[in-house]
Structure formats: C-alpha cells, structure tokens
N, C-alpha and C. Protein backbone atom coordinates (compact mmCIF):
# COMPACT_ATOMS: atom_id res chain seq x y z
N UNK A 1 -15.08 -38.49 109.01
CA UNK A 1 -14.60 -37.42 108.18
C UNK A 1 -13.03 -37.32 108.22
N UNK A 2 -12.47 -37.30 107.11
CA UNK A 2 -11.05 -37.31 107.02
C UNK A 2 -10.52 -35.79 107.11
N UNK A 3 -9.20 -35.62 107.35
CA UNK A 3 -8.66 -34.21 107.45
C UNK A 3 -8.88 -33.46 106.13
N UNK A 4 -8.72 -34.19 104.99
CA UNK A 4 -8.92 -33.55 103.70
C UNK A 4 -10.38 -33.04 103.52
N UNK A 5 -11.35 -33.90 103.90
CA UNK A 5 -12.67 -33.58 103.68
C UNK A 5 -13.07 -32.42 104.60
N UNK A 6 -12.54 -32.42 105.81
CA UNK A 6 -13.02 -31.31 106.71
C UNK A 6 -12.45 -29.98 106.36
N UNK A 7 -11.21 -29.91 105.67
CA UNK A 7 -10.69 -28.56 105.26
C UNK A 7 -11.14 -28.16 103.95
N UNK A 8 -11.80 -28.94 103.09
CA UNK A 8 -12.29 -28.54 101.91
C UNK A 8 -11.23 -28.97 100.78
N UNK A 9 -11.72 -28.91 99.59
CA UNK A 9 -10.92 -29.44 98.43
C UNK A 9 -9.68 -28.55 98.17
N UNK A 10 -9.76 -27.27 98.50
CA UNK A 10 -8.64 -26.36 98.28
C UNK A 10 -7.36 -26.76 99.08
N UNK A 11 -7.62 -27.40 100.23
CA UNK A 11 -6.61 -27.79 101.16
C UNK A 11 -6.33 -29.26 101.14
N UNK A 12 -6.96 -30.04 100.27
CA UNK A 12 -6.79 -31.43 100.26
C UNK A 12 -5.29 -31.88 100.10
N UNK A 13 -4.61 -31.19 99.23
CA UNK A 13 -3.21 -31.58 99.10
C UNK A 13 -2.36 -31.45 100.34
N UNK A 14 -2.77 -30.40 101.13
CA UNK A 14 -2.08 -30.20 102.39
C UNK A 14 -2.38 -31.23 103.48
N UNK A 15 -3.54 -31.80 103.39
CA UNK A 15 -3.96 -32.91 104.25
C UNK A 15 -3.46 -34.27 103.86
N UNK A 16 -3.06 -34.38 102.65
CA UNK A 16 -2.71 -35.63 102.10
C UNK A 16 -1.23 -35.77 101.84
N UNK A 17 -0.53 -34.62 101.78
CA UNK A 17 1.01 -34.67 101.41
C UNK A 17 1.70 -33.92 102.56
N UNK A 18 2.33 -34.66 103.44
CA UNK A 18 3.00 -34.07 104.52
C UNK A 18 4.10 -33.05 104.12
N UNK A 19 4.81 -33.31 102.96
CA UNK A 19 5.77 -32.34 102.46
C UNK A 19 5.15 -31.04 102.15
N UNK A 20 4.06 -31.00 101.42
CA UNK A 20 3.37 -29.81 101.02
C UNK A 20 2.80 -29.04 102.23
N UNK A 21 2.37 -29.83 103.23
CA UNK A 21 1.92 -29.18 104.52
C UNK A 21 3.07 -28.51 105.13
N UNK A 22 4.15 -29.08 105.25
CA UNK A 22 5.34 -28.60 105.97
C UNK A 22 5.82 -27.37 105.25
N UNK A 23 5.80 -27.38 103.88
CA UNK A 23 6.15 -26.14 103.11
C UNK A 23 5.20 -25.02 103.38
N UNK A 24 3.94 -25.23 103.27
CA UNK A 24 2.90 -24.19 103.61
C UNK A 24 3.10 -23.60 105.03
N UNK A 25 3.31 -24.44 106.04
CA UNK A 25 3.46 -23.90 107.29
C UNK A 25 4.75 -23.21 107.48
N UNK A 26 5.92 -23.60 106.89
CA UNK A 26 7.17 -22.91 106.92
C UNK A 26 7.02 -21.52 106.40
N UNK A 27 6.27 -21.30 105.26
CA UNK A 27 6.06 -19.95 104.73
C UNK A 27 5.28 -19.06 105.75
N UNK A 28 4.16 -19.59 106.35
CA UNK A 28 3.44 -18.93 107.33
C UNK A 28 4.25 -18.56 108.59
N UNK A 29 5.11 -19.48 108.99
CA UNK A 29 5.99 -19.14 110.19
C UNK A 29 6.93 -18.18 109.92
N UNK A 30 7.56 -18.16 108.72
CA UNK A 30 8.54 -17.08 108.41
C UNK A 30 7.86 -15.68 108.45
N UNK A 31 6.51 -15.70 108.20
CA UNK A 31 5.93 -14.42 108.17
C UNK A 31 5.28 -14.15 109.66
N UNK A 32 5.56 -15.09 110.58
CA UNK A 32 5.02 -14.98 111.98
C UNK A 32 3.48 -14.97 111.96
N UNK A 33 2.87 -15.73 111.03
CA UNK A 33 1.43 -15.82 111.02
C UNK A 33 0.86 -17.05 111.73
N UNK A 34 1.77 -18.04 111.84
CA UNK A 34 1.33 -19.23 112.63
C UNK A 34 2.42 -19.62 113.45
N UNK A 35 2.07 -20.41 114.51
CA UNK A 35 3.10 -21.01 115.47
C UNK A 35 2.74 -22.42 115.51
N UNK A 36 3.76 -23.34 115.27
CA UNK A 36 3.58 -24.73 115.28
C UNK A 36 4.17 -25.23 116.65
N UNK A 37 3.26 -25.90 117.43
CA UNK A 37 3.72 -26.52 118.68
C UNK A 37 3.59 -28.03 118.60
N UNK A 38 4.71 -28.59 118.01
CA UNK A 38 4.67 -29.99 117.67
C UNK A 38 4.52 -30.90 118.96
N UNK A 39 5.02 -30.46 120.08
CA UNK A 39 4.93 -31.35 121.20
C UNK A 39 3.48 -31.43 121.73
N UNK A 40 2.71 -30.45 121.38
CA UNK A 40 1.25 -30.47 121.71
C UNK A 40 0.41 -30.74 120.59
N UNK A 41 0.96 -31.05 119.43
CA UNK A 41 0.12 -31.25 118.22
C UNK A 41 -0.80 -30.13 117.93
N UNK A 42 -0.31 -28.87 117.98
CA UNK A 42 -1.10 -27.71 117.75
C UNK A 42 -0.47 -26.77 116.71
N UNK A 43 -1.43 -26.15 115.98
CA UNK A 43 -1.03 -25.11 115.01
C UNK A 43 -1.95 -23.86 115.37
N UNK A 44 -1.30 -22.74 115.78
CA UNK A 44 -2.10 -21.64 116.15
C UNK A 44 -1.84 -20.49 115.11
N UNK A 45 -2.97 -19.86 114.89
CA UNK A 45 -2.81 -18.76 113.89
C UNK A 45 -2.90 -17.40 114.60
N UNK A 46 -2.04 -16.42 114.14
CA UNK A 46 -2.04 -15.11 114.71
C UNK A 46 -3.39 -14.53 114.68
N UNK A 47 -3.79 -13.84 115.85
CA UNK A 47 -5.20 -13.29 115.84
C UNK A 47 -5.49 -12.27 114.84
N UNK A 48 -4.40 -11.54 114.40
CA UNK A 48 -4.70 -10.60 113.26
C UNK A 48 -5.04 -11.22 112.02
N UNK A 49 -4.29 -12.34 111.75
CA UNK A 49 -4.58 -13.09 110.57
C UNK A 49 -6.08 -13.59 110.57
N UNK A 50 -6.47 -14.04 111.75
CA UNK A 50 -7.95 -14.51 111.83
C UNK A 50 -8.88 -13.34 111.50
N UNK A 51 -8.59 -12.10 112.07
CA UNK A 51 -9.45 -11.00 111.84
C UNK A 51 -9.51 -10.55 110.38
N UNK A 52 -8.35 -10.50 109.73
CA UNK A 52 -8.30 -10.07 108.42
C UNK A 52 -8.99 -11.04 107.42
N UNK A 53 -8.72 -12.43 107.61
CA UNK A 53 -9.35 -13.37 106.79
C UNK A 53 -10.95 -13.35 106.95
N UNK A 54 -11.32 -13.23 108.26
CA UNK A 54 -12.75 -13.12 108.50
C UNK A 54 -13.41 -11.91 107.93
N UNK A 55 -12.72 -10.78 107.96
CA UNK A 55 -13.40 -9.61 107.37
C UNK A 55 -13.51 -9.68 105.88
N UNK A 56 -12.72 -10.50 105.26
CA UNK A 56 -12.77 -10.59 103.70
C UNK A 56 -13.85 -11.70 103.41
N UNK A 57 -14.41 -12.43 104.25
CA UNK A 57 -15.39 -13.44 103.94
C UNK A 57 -16.78 -12.91 104.12
N UNK A 58 -17.73 -13.50 103.22
CA UNK A 58 -19.11 -13.29 103.36
C UNK A 58 -19.64 -14.15 104.58
N UNK A 59 -20.81 -13.88 105.01
CA UNK A 59 -21.38 -14.61 106.12
C UNK A 59 -21.45 -16.11 105.83
N UNK A 60 -21.78 -16.46 104.60
CA UNK A 60 -21.78 -17.80 104.13
C UNK A 60 -20.53 -18.40 104.30
N UNK A 61 -19.46 -17.85 103.73
CA UNK A 61 -18.09 -18.38 103.77
C UNK A 61 -17.61 -18.50 105.22
N UNK A 62 -17.95 -17.54 106.08
CA UNK A 62 -17.62 -17.67 107.50
C UNK A 62 -18.26 -18.88 108.16
N UNK A 63 -19.47 -19.16 107.76
CA UNK A 63 -20.20 -20.26 108.36
C UNK A 63 -19.60 -21.65 107.83
N UNK A 64 -19.10 -21.65 106.58
CA UNK A 64 -18.48 -22.80 106.02
C UNK A 64 -17.26 -23.12 106.72
N UNK A 65 -16.41 -22.03 106.81
CA UNK A 65 -15.09 -22.23 107.46
C UNK A 65 -15.30 -22.49 108.99
N UNK A 66 -16.28 -21.89 109.62
CA UNK A 66 -16.45 -22.21 111.01
C UNK A 66 -16.65 -23.72 111.16
N UNK A 67 -17.55 -24.34 110.29
CA UNK A 67 -17.75 -25.85 110.29
C UNK A 67 -16.54 -26.58 110.11
N UNK A 68 -15.70 -26.01 109.06
CA UNK A 68 -14.49 -26.80 108.73
C UNK A 68 -13.43 -26.73 109.92
N UNK A 69 -13.44 -25.60 110.55
CA UNK A 69 -12.43 -25.43 111.66
C UNK A 69 -12.91 -26.38 112.77
N UNK A 70 -14.12 -26.40 112.99
CA UNK A 70 -14.66 -27.24 114.08
C UNK A 70 -14.32 -28.75 113.88
N UNK A 71 -14.55 -29.07 112.62
CA UNK A 71 -14.20 -30.51 112.22
C UNK A 71 -12.67 -30.84 112.30
N UNK A 72 -11.88 -29.75 111.89
CA UNK A 72 -10.49 -29.96 111.86
C UNK A 72 -9.90 -29.95 113.29
N UNK A 73 -10.57 -29.30 114.23
CA UNK A 73 -10.01 -29.35 115.60
C UNK A 73 -9.99 -30.76 116.24
N UNK A 74 -10.67 -31.61 115.64
CA UNK A 74 -10.71 -33.02 116.14
C UNK A 74 -9.55 -33.79 115.43
N UNK A 75 -8.77 -33.17 114.62
CA UNK A 75 -7.65 -33.82 113.89
C UNK A 75 -6.27 -33.24 114.45
N UNK A 76 -5.49 -33.83 115.31
CA UNK A 76 -4.30 -33.35 115.79
C UNK A 76 -3.29 -33.03 114.69
N UNK A 77 -2.73 -31.98 114.70
CA UNK A 77 -1.81 -31.57 113.59
C UNK A 77 -0.68 -32.50 113.40
N UNK A 78 -0.25 -33.20 114.44
CA UNK A 78 0.83 -34.19 114.28
C UNK A 78 0.41 -35.33 113.48
N UNK A 79 -0.95 -35.59 113.35
CA UNK A 79 -1.40 -36.66 112.50
C UNK A 79 -1.42 -36.32 110.98
N UNK A 80 -1.40 -35.01 110.75
CA UNK A 80 -1.39 -34.49 109.41
C UNK A 80 -0.03 -34.48 108.82
N UNK A 81 1.01 -34.41 109.64
CA UNK A 81 2.33 -34.38 109.03
C UNK A 81 3.25 -35.38 109.63
C-alpha cells in the first residue's frame, strides 16, 4: 500500500507532492498543531488536535482514520517529503 492509498484520496496530493506536503506542515507548525522531527522521520500531532478531530467524527469515520493512521505509521515521514 502506498502512502497516498493509506491516507485516502483527500490527502493523495500531500503524499505525492513534497512541496504541497511541506506547505501543509508549515501551516500546522505555525499554529503549533504539529511538530516535525526530521532527524527521526516523525510528525507528531498536538494531543488537543487529536481530541478535537476525533470528537467531530462519527464512529465509522474514527474506524476508517484509525486504519489509515495504522497504515501510515509504516511510512516514515522523511520518505514522503
């Protein structure tokens, strides 16, 4: 499974275009919602962001995103950008 497939079609451009991924991460970093640790190939999301997004999702959406996150955790961030 490719990075684009594991994250869903809405995020396909981010997984296939490093420039768009960097722009998206830059916006989230300015808002202190994510931290990019390039030396470790990690991208961590603020816990409050996780809670807010999860609260806005249905059970089905949470299940789908849980599967996507599990698949994406096998793809180091440094390979996406």
